[in-house]
Amino acid sequence: MRNPWVKKNPFLSMWLSGANAVIGKTRGRASAQAKRQASSLWSAALAPGKPKKRRSKR
């Protein structure tokens, strides 16, 4: 008698393929956003600061 647990299931295969595609897109977007935030953090940290405005005394 064959084991039914090792039989191929096309519906499970399609579902897992779709889930993998969605997770891949989400991971790609998250890593792209993290790279953008890291680059903006470094550019802000390395940029010279703005001069502070001094108030004139009356």
C-alpha atoms as a PDB file:
ATOM      1  CA  MET A   1       0.000   0.000   0.000  1.00  0.00           C
ATOM      2  CA  ARG A   2       1.339   3.431  -0.946  1.00  0.00           C
ATOM      3  CA  ASN A   3       1.667   6.194   1.615  1.00  0.00           C
ATOM      4  CA  PRO A   4      -0.940   8.939   0.865  1.00  0.00           C
ATOM      5  CA  TRP A   5       1.150  11.597   2.661  1.00  0.00           C
ATOM      6  CA  VAL A   6       3.884  11.559   0.032  1.00  0.00           C
ATOM      7  CA  LYS A   7       1.495  11.836  -2.931  1.00  0.00           C
ATOM      8  CA  LYS A   8       1.833  15.064  -4.937  1.00  0.00           C
ATOM      9  CA  ASN A   9      -0.910  17.621  -4.406  1.00  0.00           C
ATOM     10  CA  PRO A  10      -1.238  20.128  -7.285  1.00  0.00           C
ATOM     11  CA  PHE A  11      -3.483  22.510  -5.321  1.00  0.00           C
ATOM     12  CA  LEU A  12      -1.011  22.716  -2.439  1.00  0.00           C
ATOM     13  CA  SER A  13       1.789  23.251  -4.941  1.00  0.00           C
ATOM     14  CA  MET A  14      -0.058  26.163  -6.596  1.00  0.00           C
ATOM     15  CA  TRP A  15      -0.914  27.689  -3.217  1.00  0.00           C
ATOM     16  CA  LEU A  16       2.677  27.477  -2.002  1.00  0.00           C
ATOM     17  CA  SER A  17       3.931  28.931  -5.275  1.00  0.00           C
ATOM     18  CA  GLY A  18       1.588  31.911  -4.948  1.00  0.00           C
ATOM     19  CA  ALA A  19       2.489  32.413  -1.292  1.00  0.00           C
ATOM     20  CA  ASN A  20       6.185  32.289  -2.161  1.00  0.00           C
ATOM     21  CA  ALA A  21       5.699  34.944  -4.846  1.00  0.00           C
ATOM     22  CA  VAL A  22       3.883  37.275  -2.438  1.00  0.00           C
ATOM     23  CA  ILE A  23       6.496  36.794   0.271  1.00  0.00           C
ATOM     24  CA  GLY A  24       9.287  37.420  -2.260  1.00  0.00           C
ATOM     25  CA  LYS A  25       7.716  40.713  -3.362  1.00  0.00           C
ATOM     26  CA  THR A  26       7.217  41.795   0.249  1.00  0.00           C
ATOM     27  CA  ARG A  27      10.801  40.929   1.157  1.00  0.00           C
ATOM     28  CA  GLY A  28      12.088  42.839  -1.879  1.00  0.00           C
ATOM     29  CA  ARG A  29      10.090  45.933  -0.994  1.00  0.00           C
ATOM     30  CA  ALA A  30      11.191  45.776   2.649  1.00  0.00           C
ATOM     31  CA  SER A  31      14.867  45.446   1.757  1.00  0.00           C
ATOM     32  CA  ALA A  32      14.609  48.323  -0.751  1.00  0.00           C
ATOM     33  CA  GLN A  33      12.986  50.531   1.885  1.00  0.00           C
ATOM     34  CA  ALA A  34      15.680  49.600   4.410  1.00  0.00           C
ATOM     35  CA  LYS A  35      18.394  50.539   1.901  1.00  0.00           C
ATOM     36  CA  ARG A  36      16.706  53.887   1.215  1.00  0.00           C
ATOM     37  CA  GLN A  37      16.454  54.661   4.920  1.00  0.00           C
ATOM     38  CA  ALA A  38      20.065  53.665   5.546  1.00  0.00           C
ATOM     39  CA  SER A  39      21.339  55.849   2.717  1.00  0.00           C
ATOM     40  CA  SER A  40      19.299  58.844   3.887  1.00  0.00           C
ATOM     41  CA  LEU A  41      20.555  58.297   7.441  1.00  0.00           C
ATOM     42  CA  TRP A  42      24.175  58.288   6.283  1.00  0.00           C
ATOM     43  CA  SER A  43      23.737  61.287   4.011  1.00  0.00           C
ATOM     44  CA  ALA A  44      22.129  63.240   6.855  1.00  0.00           C
ATOM     45  CA  ALA A  45      24.862  62.187   9.295  1.00  0.00           C
ATOM     46  CA  LEU A  46      27.709  63.151   6.957  1.00  0.00           C
ATOM     47  CA  ALA A  47      26.202  66.407   5.676  1.00  0.00           C
ATOM     48  CA  PRO A  48      27.365  69.583   7.352  1.00  0.00           C
ATOM     49  CA  GLY A  49      24.905  71.006   9.839  1.00  0.00           C
ATOM     50  CA  LYS A  50      22.872  74.084   9.100  1.00  0.00           C
ATOM     51  CA  PRO A  51      24.118  77.232  10.811  1.00  0.00           C
ATOM     52  CA  LYS A  52      21.996  78.244  13.760  1.00  0.00           C
ATOM     53  CA  LYS A  53      20.228  81.558  13.558  1.00  0.00           C
ATOM     54  CA  ARG A  54      21.243  84.001  16.233  1.00  0.00           C
ATOM     55  CA  ARG A  55      18.690  86.258  17.757  1.00  0.00           C
ATOM     56  CA  SER A  56      19.705  89.868  18.023  1.00  0.00           C
ATOM     57  CA  LYS A  57      19.514  91.408  21.470  1.00  0.00           C
ATOM     58  CA  ARG A  58      17.427  94.547  21.785  1.00  0.00           C
END
